Amino acid sequence: MARALLKFIRVSPTKSRLIAREVQGMNAEEAMAALEFTPNKAAKIISKVIASAVANSGEDAEDCIVTSCRVDNGPVLKRFRPRARGMASGIRKPTAHILVEVEGK
């Protein structure tokens, strides 16, 4: 079993988990092909992590299965936006840690 971990990536973990759940249990080659046509920022990132996990395993993408794809919360970057009457409101910029585990057939 080979793994790849991408940390502190600037993407929402909640939105990324929706895509990570679709990929679990799929063949690695099919998963990367499906993510290529998914119109989401997280899809491209997860596809690259899957490719990295396949490369770490030393096998072909056809022979690998995505056993687990996990998206954990990272630290949140906190920013402020000026508002009316001298006030300010907060902006939260979330980060995520993406872990992909791949296993050969």
PDB file of N, CA and C in Angstrom:
ATOM      1  N   MET A   1       0.845  -1.176   0.000  1.00  0.00           N
ATOM      2  CA  MET A   1       0.000   0.000   0.000  1.00  0.00           C
ATOM      3  C   MET A   1       0.893   1.242   0.000  1.00  0.00           C
ATOM      4  N   ALA A   2       0.573   2.164  -0.909  1.00  0.00           N
ATOM      5  CA  ALA A   2       1.339   3.409  -1.007  1.00  0.00           C
ATOM      6  C   ALA A   2       0.424   4.582  -0.688  1.00  0.00           C
ATOM      7  N   ARG A   3       1.020   5.662  -0.155  1.00  0.00           N
ATOM      8  CA  ARG A   3       0.222   6.824   0.199  1.00  0.00           C
ATOM      9  C   ARG A   3       0.878   8.087  -0.324  1.00  0.00           C
ATOM     10  N   ALA A   4       0.054   9.123  -0.436  1.00  0.00           N
ATOM     11  CA  ALA A   4       0.545  10.457  -0.773  1.00  0.00           C
ATOM     12  C   ALA A   4      -0.242  11.442   0.071  1.00  0.00           C
ATOM     13  N   LEU A   5       0.461  12.450   0.592  1.00  0.00           N
ATOM     14  CA  LEU A   5      -0.151  13.421   1.486  1.00  0.00           C
ATOM     15  C   LEU A   5       0.187  14.821   1.006  1.00  0.00           C
ATOM     16  N   LEU A   6      -0.836  15.635   0.829  1.00  0.00           N
ATOM     17  CA  LEU A   6      -0.662  17.037   0.454  1.00  0.00           C
ATOM     18  C   LEU A   6      -1.211  17.881   1.586  1.00  0.00           C
ATOM     19  N   LYS A   7      -0.362  18.729   2.159  1.00  0.00           N
ATOM     20  CA  LYS A   7      -0.771  19.493   3.338  1.00  0.00           C
ATOM     21  C   LYS A   7      -0.868  20.974   3.023  1.00  0.00           C
ATOM     22  N   PHE A   8      -1.691  21.653   3.807  1.00  0.00           N
ATOM     23  CA  PHE A   8      -1.861  23.109   3.769  1.00  0.00           C
ATOM     24  C   PHE A   8      -2.270  23.631   2.399  1.00  0.00           C
ATOM     25  N   ILE A   9      -3.160  22.914   1.715  1.00  0.00           N
ATOM     26  CA  ILE A   9      -3.619  23.360   0.402  1.00  0.00           C
ATOM     27  C   ILE A   9      -4.826  24.284   0.581  1.00  0.00           C
ATOM     28  N   ARG A  10      -4.864  25.379  -0.178  1.00  0.00           N
ATOM     29  CA  ARG A  10      -5.899  26.389  -0.010  1.00  0.00           C
ATOM     30  C   ARG A  10      -7.179  25.995  -0.766  1.00  0.00           C
ATOM     31  N   VAL A  11      -7.898  25.053  -0.194  1.00  0.00           N
ATOM     32  CA  VAL A  11      -9.174  24.626  -0.753  1.00  0.00           C
ATOM     33  C   VAL A  11     -10.083  24.273   0.419  1.00  0.00           C
ATOM     34  N   SER A  12     -11.373  24.443   0.235  1.00  0.00           N
ATOM     35  CA  SER A  12     -12.307  24.183   1.323  1.00  0.00           C
ATOM     36  C   SER A  12     -12.412  22.677   1.588  1.00  0.00           C
ATOM     37  N   PRO A  13     -12.189  22.237   2.839  1.00  0.00           N
ATOM     38  CA  PRO A  13     -12.264  20.802   3.125  1.00  0.00           C
ATOM     39  C   PRO A  13     -13.664  20.234   2.931  1.00  0.00           C
ATOM     40  N   THR A  14     -14.688  21.036   3.212  1.00  0.00           N
ATOM     41  CA  THR A  14     -16.062  20.538   3.064  1.00  0.00           C
ATOM     42  C   THR A  14     -16.379  20.242   1.606  1.00  0.00           C
ATOM     43  N   LYS A  15     -15.976  21.134   0.712  1.00  0.00           N
ATOM     44  CA  LYS A  15     -16.239  20.918  -0.714  1.00  0.00           C
ATOM     45  C   LYS A  15     -15.363  19.799  -1.268  1.00  0.00           C
ATOM     46  N   SER A  16     -14.157  19.653  -0.727  1.00  0.00           N
ATOM     47  CA  SER A  16     -13.244  18.624  -1.213  1.00  0.00           C
ATOM     48  C   SER A  16     -13.710  17.224  -0.821  1.00  0.00           C
ATOM     49  N   ARG A  17     -14.348  17.106   0.341  1.00  0.00           N
ATOM     50  CA  ARG A  17     -14.809  15.786   0.807  1.00  0.00           C
ATOM     51  C   ARG A  17     -15.857  15.199  -0.118  1.00  0.00           C
ATOM     52  N   LEU A  18     -16.678  16.043  -0.740  1.00  0.00           N
ATOM     53  CA  LEU A  18     -17.690  15.549  -1.680  1.00  0.00           C
ATOM     54  C   LEU A  18     -17.021  14.809  -2.839  1.00  0.00           C
ATOM     55  N   ILE A  19     -15.910  15.323  -3.296  1.00  0.00           N
ATOM     56  CA  ILE A  19     -15.202  14.702  -4.415  1.00  0.00           C
ATOM     57  C   ILE A  19     -14.401  13.494  -3.946  1.00  0.00           C
ATOM     58  N   ALA A  20     -13.837  13.584  -2.743  1.00  0.00           N
ATOM     59  CA  ALA A  20     -13.048  12.474  -2.213  1.00  0.00           C
ATOM     60  C   ALA A  20     -13.907  11.225  -2.020  1.00  0.00           C
ATOM     61  N   ARG A  21     -15.166  11.407  -1.641  1.00  0.00           N
ATOM     62  CA  ARG A  21     -16.063  10.256  -1.438  1.00  0.00           C
ATOM     63  C   ARG A  21     -16.383   9.559  -2.751  1.00  0.00           C
ATOM     64  N   GLU A  22     -16.470  10.318  -3.853  1.00  0.00           N
ATOM     65  CA  GLU A  22     -16.772   9.717  -5.158  1.00  0.00           C
ATOM     66  C   GLU A  22     -15.634   8.813  -5.632  1.00  0.00           C
ATOM     67  N   VAL A  23     -14.405   9.171  -5.278  1.00  0.00           N
ATOM     68  CA  VAL A  23     -13.219   8.496  -5.803  1.00  0.00           C
ATOM     69  C   VAL A  23     -12.893   7.215  -5.048  1.00  0.00           C
ATOM     70  N   GLN A  24     -13.288   7.117  -3.783  1.00  0.00           N
ATOM     71  CA  GLN A  24     -12.927   5.958  -2.963  1.00  0.00           C
ATOM     72  C   GLN A  24     -13.433   4.658  -3.581  1.00  0.00           C
ATOM     73  N   GLY A  25     -12.550   3.669  -3.625  1.00  0.00           N
ATOM     74  CA  GLY A  25     -12.914   2.358  -4.150  1.00  0.00           C
ATOM     75  C   GLY A  25     -12.785   2.234  -5.650  1.00  0.00           C
ATOM     76  N   MET A  26     -12.504   3.332  -6.340  1.00  0.00           N
ATOM     77  CA  MET A  26     -12.378   3.289  -7.798  1.00  0.00           C
ATOM     78  C   MET A  26     -10.979   2.840  -8.207  1.00  0.00           C
ATOM     79  N   ASN A  27     -10.862   2.393  -9.439  1.00  0.00           N
ATOM     80  CA  ASN A  27      -9.567   2.137 -10.050  1.00  0.00           C
ATOM     81  C   ASN A  27      -8.871   3.495 -10.190  1.00  0.00           C
ATOM     82  N   ALA A  28      -7.574   3.556  -9.966  1.00  0.00           N
ATOM     83  CA  ALA A  28      -6.853   4.835  -9.970  1.00  0.00           C
ATOM     84  C   ALA A  28      -6.922   5.525 -11.326  1.00  0.00           C
ATOM     85  N   GLU A  29      -6.815   4.753 -12.402  1.00  0.00           N
ATOM     86  CA  GLU A  29      -6.869   5.346 -13.740  1.00  0.00           C
ATOM     87  C   GLU A  29      -8.255   5.926 -14.021  1.00  0.00           C
ATOM     88  N   GLU A  30      -9.307   5.195 -13.650  1.00  0.00           N
ATOM     89  CA  GLU A  30     -10.675   5.689 -13.848  1.00  0.00           C
ATOM     90  C   GLU A  30     -10.940   6.922 -12.985  1.00  0.00           C
ATOM     91  N   ALA A  31     -10.400   6.917 -11.777  1.00  0.00           N
ATOM     92  CA  ALA A  31     -10.597   8.044 -10.871  1.00  0.00           C
ATOM     93  C   ALA A  31      -9.964   9.310 -11.438  1.00  0.00           C
ATOM     94  N   MET A  32      -8.746   9.199 -11.960  1.00  0.00           N
ATOM     95  CA  MET A  32      -8.087  10.373 -12.532  1.00  0.00           C
ATOM     96  C   MET A  32      -8.819  10.862 -13.785  1.00  0.00           C
ATOM     97  N   ALA A  33      -9.346   9.917 -14.588  1.00  0.00           N
ATOM     98  CA  ALA A  33     -10.099  10.306 -15.781  1.00  0.00           C
ATOM     99  C   ALA A  33     -11.405  11.006 -15.410  1.00  0.00           C
ATOM    100  N   ALA A  34     -12.067  10.514 -14.362  1.00  0.00           N
ATOM    101  CA  ALA A  34     -13.326  11.135 -13.931  1.00  0.00           C
ATOM    102  C   ALA A  34     -13.081  12.523 -13.353  1.00  0.00           C
ATOM    103  N   LEU A  35     -11.998  12.676 -12.598  1.00  0.00           N
ATOM    104  CA  LEU A  35     -11.701  13.968 -11.973  1.00  0.00           C
ATOM    105  C   LEU A  35     -11.253  15.015 -12.986  1.00  0.00           C
ATOM    106  N   GLU A  36     -10.732  14.548 -14.120  1.00  0.00           N
ATOM    107  CA  GLU A  36     -10.281  15.484 -15.156  1.00  0.00           C
ATOM    108  C   GLU A  36     -11.446  16.321 -15.695  1.00  0.00           C
ATOM    109  N   PHE A  37     -12.640  15.739 -15.734  1.00  0.00           N
ATOM    110  CA  PHE A  37     -13.802  16.431 -16.289  1.00  0.00           C
ATOM    111  C   PHE A  37     -14.738  16.969 -15.223  1.00  0.00           C
ATOM    112  N   THR A  38     -14.304  16.940 -13.964  1.00  0.00           N
ATOM    113  CA  THR A  38     -15.113  17.489 -12.885  1.00  0.00           C
ATOM    114  C   THR A  38     -14.775  18.968 -12.718  1.00  0.00           C
ATOM    115  N   PRO A  39     -15.754  19.866 -12.867  1.00  0.00           N
ATOM    116  CA  PRO A  39     -15.464  21.305 -12.816  1.00  0.00           C
ATOM    117  C   PRO A  39     -15.361  21.819 -11.386  1.00  0.00           C
ATOM    118  N   ASN A  40     -14.284  21.465 -10.705  1.00  0.00           N
ATOM    119  CA  ASN A  40     -14.117  21.852  -9.317  1.00  0.00           C
ATOM    120  C   ASN A  40     -12.628  22.032  -9.049  1.00  0.00           C
ATOM    121  N   LYS A  41     -12.284  22.994  -8.227  1.00  0.00           N
ATOM    122  CA  LYS A  41     -10.874  23.240  -7.909  1.00  0.00           C
ATOM    123  C   LYS A  41     -10.268  22.033  -7.200  1.00  0.00           C
ATOM    124  N   ALA A  42     -11.031  21.425  -6.300  1.00  0.00           N
ATOM    125  CA  ALA A  42     -10.526  20.298  -5.524  1.00  0.00           C
ATOM    126  C   ALA A  42     -10.289  19.065  -6.395  1.00  0.00           C
ATOM    127  N   ALA A  43     -11.025  18.930  -7.495  1.00  0.00           N
ATOM    128  CA  ALA A  43     -10.890  17.752  -8.352  1.00  0.00           C
ATOM    129  C   ALA A  43      -9.497  17.665  -8.961  1.00  0.00           C
ATOM    130  N   LYS A  44      -8.957  18.794  -9.430  1.00  0.00           N
ATOM    131  CA  LYS A  44      -7.619  18.792 -10.016  1.00  0.00           C
ATOM    132  C   LYS A  44      -6.567  18.448  -8.958  1.00  0.00           C
ATOM    133  N   ILE A  45      -6.756  18.988  -7.767  1.00  0.00           N
ATOM    134  CA  ILE A  45      -5.793  18.763  -6.692  1.00  0.00           C
ATOM    135  C   ILE A  45      -5.790  17.300  -6.267  1.00  0.00           C
ATOM    136  N   ILE A  46      -6.979  16.722  -6.081  1.00  0.00           N
ATOM    137  CA  ILE A  46      -7.084  15.315  -5.673  1.00  0.00           C
ATOM    138  C   ILE A  46      -6.533  14.397  -6.762  1.00  0.00           C
ATOM    139  N   SER A  47      -6.741  14.770  -8.024  1.00  0.00           N
ATOM    140  CA  SER A  47      -6.206  13.977  -9.133  1.00  0.00           C
ATOM    141  C   SER A  47      -4.678  13.927  -9.085  1.00  0.00           C
ATOM    142  N   LYS A  48      -4.053  15.058  -8.761  1.00  0.00           N
ATOM    143  CA  LYS A  48      -2.593  15.096  -8.668  1.00  0.00           C
ATOM    144  C   LYS A  48      -2.084  14.266  -7.495  1.00  0.00           C
ATOM    145  N   VAL A  49      -2.836  14.267  -6.393  1.00  0.00           N
ATOM    146  CA  VAL A  49      -2.429  13.473  -5.231  1.00  0.00           C
ATOM    147  C   VAL A  49      -2.560  11.981  -5.539  1.00  0.00           C
ATOM    148  N   ILE A  50      -3.597  11.599  -6.272  1.00  0.00           N
ATOM    149  CA  ILE A  50      -3.758  10.191  -6.679  1.00  0.00           C
ATOM    150  C   ILE A  50      -2.601   9.779  -7.583  1.00  0.00           C
ATOM    151  N   ALA A  51      -2.233  10.646  -8.529  1.00  0.00           N
ATOM    152  CA  ALA A  51      -1.110  10.350  -9.422  1.00  0.00           C
ATOM    153  C   ALA A  51       0.187  10.180  -8.626  1.00  0.00           C
ATOM    154  N   SER A  52       0.365  10.991  -7.590  1.00  0.00           N
ATOM    155  CA  SER A  52       1.550  10.884  -6.749  1.00  0.00           C
ATOM    156  C   SER A  52       1.561   9.576  -5.969  1.00  0.00           C
ATOM    157  N   ALA A  53       0.399   9.161  -5.461  1.00  0.00           N
ATOM    158  CA  ALA A  53       0.309   7.905  -4.718  1.00  0.00           C
ATOM    159  C   ALA A  53       0.601   6.709  -5.629  1.00  0.00           C
ATOM    160  N   VAL A  54       0.121   6.776  -6.870  1.00  0.00           N
ATOM    161  CA  VAL A  54       0.386   5.704  -7.841  1.00  0.00           C
ATOM    162  C   VAL A  54       1.882   5.643  -8.148  1.00  0.00           C
ATOM    163  N   ALA A  55       2.502   6.808  -8.293  1.00  0.00           N
ATOM    164  CA  ALA A  55       3.947   6.848  -8.554  1.00  0.00           C
ATOM    165  C   ALA A  55       4.725   6.293  -7.360  1.00  0.00           C
ATOM    166  N   ASN A  56       4.256   6.561  -6.146  1.00  0.00           N
ATOM    167  CA  ASN A  56       4.917   6.042  -4.951  1.00  0.00           C
ATOM    168  C   ASN A  56       4.801   4.527  -4.847  1.00  0.00           C
ATOM    169  N   SER A  57       3.712   3.970  -5.402  1.00  0.00           N
ATOM    170  CA  SER A  57       3.524   2.521  -5.327  1.00  0.00           C
ATOM    171  C   SER A  57       4.439   1.779  -6.286  1.00  0.00           C
ATOM    172  N   GLY A  58       4.855   2.445  -7.373  1.00  0.00           N
ATOM    173  CA  GLY A  58       5.737   1.805  -8.347  1.00  0.00           C
ATOM    174  C   GLY A  58       5.005   0.916  -9.324  1.00  0.00           C
ATOM    175  N   GLU A  59       3.687   0.977  -9.343  1.00  0.00           N
ATOM    176  CA  GLU A  59       2.888   0.166 -10.265  1.00  0.00           C
ATOM    177  C   GLU A  59       2.192   1.074 -11.271  1.00  0.00           C
ATOM    178  N   ASP A  60       1.531   0.430 -12.256  1.00  0.00           N
ATOM    179  CA  ASP A  60       0.758   1.200 -13.233  1.00  0.00           C
ATOM    180  C   ASP A  60      -0.565   1.635 -12.624  1.00  0.00           C
ATOM    181  N   ALA A  61      -1.147   2.688 -13.198  1.00  0.00           N
ATOM    182  CA  ALA A  61      -2.422   3.213 -12.685  1.00  0.00           C
ATOM    183  C   ALA A  61      -3.559   2.212 -12.880  1.00  0.00           C
ATOM    184  N   GLU A  62      -3.451   1.359 -13.922  1.00  0.00           N
ATOM    185  CA  GLU A  62      -4.518   0.369 -14.173  1.00  0.00           C
ATOM    186  C   GLU A  62      -4.561  -0.688 -13.073  1.00  0.00           C
ATOM    187  N   ASP A  63      -3.402  -0.931 -12.441  1.00  0.00           N
ATOM    188  CA  ASP A  63      -3.309  -1.996 -11.442  1.00  0.00           C
ATOM    189  C   ASP A  63      -3.600  -1.526 -10.022  1.00  0.00           C
ATOM    190  N   CYS A  64      -3.854  -0.247  -9.841  1.00  0.00           N
ATOM    191  CA  CYS A  64      -4.041   0.301  -8.493  1.00  0.00           C
ATOM    192  C   CYS A  64      -5.498   0.648  -8.223  1.00  0.00           C
ATOM    193  N   ILE A  65      -5.883   0.510  -6.954  1.00  0.00           N
ATOM    194  CA  ILE A  65      -7.230   0.872  -6.500  1.00  0.00           C
ATOM    195  C   ILE A  65      -7.079   1.888  -5.378  1.00  0.00           C
ATOM    196  N   VAL A  66      -7.893   2.941  -5.422  1.00  0.00           N
ATOM    197  CA  VAL A  66      -7.868   3.965  -4.373  1.00  0.00           C
ATOM    198  C   VAL A  66      -8.610   3.404  -3.167  1.00  0.00           C
ATOM    199  N   THR A  67      -7.872   2.968  -2.149  1.00  0.00           N
ATOM    200  CA  THR A  67      -8.513   2.367  -0.975  1.00  0.00           C
ATOM    201  C   THR A  67      -9.110   3.421  -0.065  1.00  0.00           C
ATOM    202  N   SER A  68      -8.412   4.551   0.111  1.00  0.00           N
ATOM    203  CA  SER A  68      -9.001   5.615   0.920  1.00  0.00           C
ATOM    204  C   SER A  68      -8.527   6.972   0.428  1.00  0.00           C
ATOM    205  N   CYS A  69      -9.427   7.924   0.465  1.00  0.00           N
ATOM    206  CA  CYS A  69      -9.136   9.302   0.102  1.00  0.00           C
ATOM    207  C   CYS A  69      -9.733  10.151   1.210  1.00  0.00           C
ATOM    208  N   ARG A  70      -8.876  10.782   1.999  1.00  0.00           N
ATOM    209  CA  ARG A  70      -9.336  11.492   3.187  1.00  0.00           C
ATOM    210  C   ARG A  70      -8.953  12.962   3.096  1.00  0.00           C
ATOM    211  N   VAL A  71      -9.875  13.834   3.482  1.00  0.00           N
ATOM    212  CA  VAL A  71      -9.615  15.270   3.507  1.00  0.00           C
ATOM    213  C   VAL A  71      -9.824  15.754   4.930  1.00  0.00           C
ATOM    214  N   ASP A  72      -8.749  16.238   5.553  1.00  0.00           N
ATOM    215  CA  ASP A  72      -8.810  16.740   6.923  1.00  0.00           C
ATOM    216  C   ASP A  72      -8.722  18.262   6.920  1.00  0.00           C
ATOM    217  N   ASN A  73      -9.197  18.863   7.998  1.00  0.00           N
ATOM    218  CA  ASN A  73      -9.117  20.313   8.143  1.00  0.00           C
ATOM    219  C   ASN A  73      -7.690  20.729   8.436  1.00  0.00           C
ATOM    220  N   GLY A  74      -7.277  21.825   7.816  1.00  0.00           N
ATOM    221  CA  GLY A  74      -5.998  22.444   8.130  1.00  0.00           C
ATOM    222  C   GLY A  74      -6.265  23.730   8.898  1.00  0.00           C
ATOM    223  N   PRO A  75      -5.239  24.510   9.131  1.00  0.00           N
ATOM    224  CA  PRO A  75      -5.450  25.790   9.818  1.00  0.00           C
ATOM    225  C   PRO A  75      -6.248  26.762   8.940  1.00  0.00           C
ATOM    226  N   VAL A  76      -6.961  27.668   9.582  1.00  0.00           N
ATOM    227  CA  VAL A  76      -7.791  28.640   8.864  1.00  0.00           C
ATOM    228  C   VAL A  76      -7.082  29.991   8.885  1.00  0.00           C
ATOM    229  N   LEU A  77      -6.913  30.572   7.686  1.00  0.00           N
ATOM    230  CA  LEU A  77      -6.335  31.913   7.591  1.00  0.00           C
ATOM    231  C   LEU A  77      -7.456  32.913   7.852  1.00  0.00           C
ATOM    232  N   LYS A  78      -7.259  33.802   8.800  1.00  0.00           N
ATOM    233  CA  LYS A  78      -8.305  34.755   9.163  1.00  0.00           C
ATOM    234  C   LYS A  78      -7.924  36.135   8.641  1.00  0.00           C
ATOM    235  N   ARG A  79      -8.823  36.723   7.869  1.00  0.00           N
ATOM    236  CA  ARG A  79      -8.623  38.044   7.281  1.00  0.00           C
ATOM    237  C   ARG A  79      -9.809  38.922   7.650  1.00  0.00           C
ATOM    238  N   PHE A  80      -9.675  40.232   7.417  1.00  0.00           N
ATOM    239  CA  PHE A  80     -10.759  41.162   7.720  1.00  0.00           C
ATOM    240  C   PHE A  80     -11.111  41.978   6.493  1.00  0.00           C
ATOM    241  N   ARG A  81     -12.394  42.302   6.374  1.00  0.00           N
ATOM    242  CA  ARG A  81     -12.884  43.149   5.295  1.00  0.00           C
ATOM    243  C   ARG A  81     -13.541  44.370   5.922  1.00  0.00           C
ATOM    244  N   PRO A  82     -13.150  45.566   5.489  1.00  0.00           N
ATOM    245  CA  PRO A  82     -13.777  46.766   6.045  1.00  0.00           C
ATOM    246  C   PRO A  82     -15.246  46.868   5.638  1.00  0.00           C
ATOM    247  N   ARG A  83     -16.078  47.301   6.584  1.00  0.00           N
ATOM    248  CA  ARG A  83     -17.513  47.435   6.336  1.00  0.00           C
ATOM    249  C   ARG A  83     -17.956  48.863   6.650  1.00  0.00           C
ATOM    250  N   ALA A  84     -19.220  49.074   6.585  1.00  0.00           N
ATOM    251  CA  ALA A  84     -19.768  50.423   6.796  1.00  0.00           C
ATOM    252  C   ALA A  84     -19.582  50.871   8.242  1.00  0.00           C
ATOM    253  N   ARG A  85     -19.524  52.189   8.422  1.00  0.00           N
ATOM    254  CA  ARG A  85     -19.464  52.832   9.738  1.00  0.00           C
ATOM    255  C   ARG A  85     -18.243  52.392  10.551  1.00  0.00           C
ATOM    256  N   GLY A  86     -17.116  52.180   9.881  1.00  0.00           N
ATOM    257  CA  GLY A  86     -15.871  51.891  10.582  1.00  0.00           C
ATOM    258  C   GLY A  86     -15.751  50.503  11.161  1.00  0.00           C
ATOM    259  N   MET A  87     -16.667  49.604  10.819  1.00  0.00           N
ATOM    260  CA  MET A  87     -16.596  48.240  11.344  1.00  0.00           C
ATOM    261  C   MET A  87     -15.799  47.344  10.398  1.00  0.00           C
ATOM    262  N   ALA A  88     -15.583  46.137  10.842  1.00  0.00           N
ATOM    263  CA  ALA A  88     -14.910  45.143  10.002  1.00  0.00           C
ATOM    264  C   ALA A  88     -15.575  43.796  10.241  1.00  0.00           C
ATOM    265  N   SER A  89     -15.653  42.988   9.179  1.00  0.00           N
ATOM    266  CA  SER A  89     -16.183  41.632   9.336  1.00  0.00           C
ATOM    267  C   SER A  89     -15.091  40.646   8.924  1.00  0.00           C
ATOM    268  N   GLY A  90     -15.172  39.457   9.465  1.00  0.00           N
ATOM    269  CA  GLY A  90     -14.129  38.469   9.249  1.00  0.00           C
ATOM    270  C   GLY A  90     -14.320  37.669   7.981  1.00  0.00           C
ATOM    271  N   ILE A  91     -13.211  37.249   7.406  1.00  0.00           N
ATOM    272  CA  ILE A  91     -13.199  36.323   6.276  1.00  0.00           C
ATOM    273  C   ILE A  91     -12.374  35.131   6.714  1.00  0.00           C
ATOM    274  N   ARG A  92     -12.911  33.923   6.523  1.00  0.00           N
ATOM    275  CA  ARG A  92     -12.186  32.703   6.873  1.00  0.00           C
ATOM    276  C   ARG A  92     -11.730  32.038   5.581  1.00  0.00           C
ATOM    277  N   LYS A  93     -10.432  31.806   5.475  1.00  0.00           N
ATOM    278  CA  LYS A  93      -9.876  31.130   4.302  1.00  0.00           C
ATOM    279  C   LYS A  93      -9.364  29.771   4.753  1.00  0.00           C
ATOM    280  N   PRO A  94     -10.154  28.720   4.576  1.00  0.00           N
ATOM    281  CA  PRO A  94      -9.783  27.401   5.101  1.00  0.00           C
ATOM    282  C   PRO A  94      -8.686  26.732   4.274  1.00  0.00           C
ATOM    283  N   THR A  95      -7.917  25.871   4.924  1.00  0.00           N
ATOM    284  CA  THR A  95      -6.935  25.031   4.244  1.00  0.00           C
ATOM    285  C   THR A  95      -7.254  23.575   4.558  1.00  0.00           C
ATOM    286  N   ALA A  96      -6.679  22.669   3.775  1.00  0.00           N
ATOM    287  CA  ALA A  96      -6.991  21.250   3.933  1.00  0.00           C
ATOM    288  C   ALA A  96      -5.729  20.409   3.802  1.00  0.00           C
ATOM    289  N   HIS A  97      -5.780  19.207   4.385  1.00  0.00           N
ATOM    290  CA  HIS A  97      -4.752  18.189   4.213  1.00  0.00           C
ATOM    291  C   HIS A  97      -5.420  17.019   3.487  1.00  0.00           C
ATOM    292  N   ILE A  98      -4.858  16.600   2.358  1.00  0.00           N
ATOM    293  CA  ILE A  98      -5.455  15.530   1.555  1.00  0.00           C
ATOM    294  C   ILE A  98      -4.541  14.307   1.591  1.00  0.00           C
ATOM    295  N   LEU A  99      -5.088  13.161   2.012  1.00  0.00           N
ATOM    296  CA  LEU A  99      -4.350  11.908   2.093  1.00  0.00           C
ATOM    297  C   LEU A  99      -5.013  10.885   1.175  1.00  0.00           C
ATOM    298  N   VAL A 100      -4.213  10.282   0.293  1.00  0.00           N
ATOM    299  CA  VAL A 100      -4.720   9.248  -0.625  1.00  0.00           C
ATOM    300  C   VAL A 100      -3.903   7.987  -0.421  1.00  0.00           C
ATOM    301  N   GLU A 101      -4.588   6.855  -0.217  1.00  0.00           N
ATOM    302  CA  GLU A 101      -3.925   5.569  -0.106  1.00  0.00           C
ATOM    303  C   GLU A 101      -4.332   4.703  -1.289  1.00  0.00           C
ATOM    304  N   VAL A 102      -3.325   4.088  -1.915  1.00  0.00           N
ATOM    305  CA  VAL A 102      -3.528   3.283  -3.116  1.00  0.00           C
ATOM    306  C   VAL A 102      -2.951   1.898  -2.859  1.00  0.00           C
ATOM    307  N   GLU A 103      -3.668   0.878  -3.347  1.00  0.00           N
ATOM    308  CA  GLU A 103      -3.209  -0.490  -3.166  1.00  0.00           C
ATOM    309  C   GLU A 103      -3.235  -1.214  -4.513  1.00  0.00           C
ATOM    310  N   GLY A 104      -2.198  -2.011  -4.767  1.00  0.00           N
ATOM    311  CA  GLY A 104      -2.141  -2.793  -5.999  1.00  0.00           C
ATOM    312  C   GLY A 104      -3.104  -3.967  -5.940  1.00  0.00           C
ATOM    313  N   LYS A 105      -3.475  -4.472  -7.124  1.00  0.00           N
ATOM    314  CA  LYS A 105      -4.446  -5.578  -7.160  1.00  0.00           C
ATOM    315  C   LYS A 105      -3.873  -6.856  -6.625  1.00  0.00           C
TER     316      LYS A 105
END
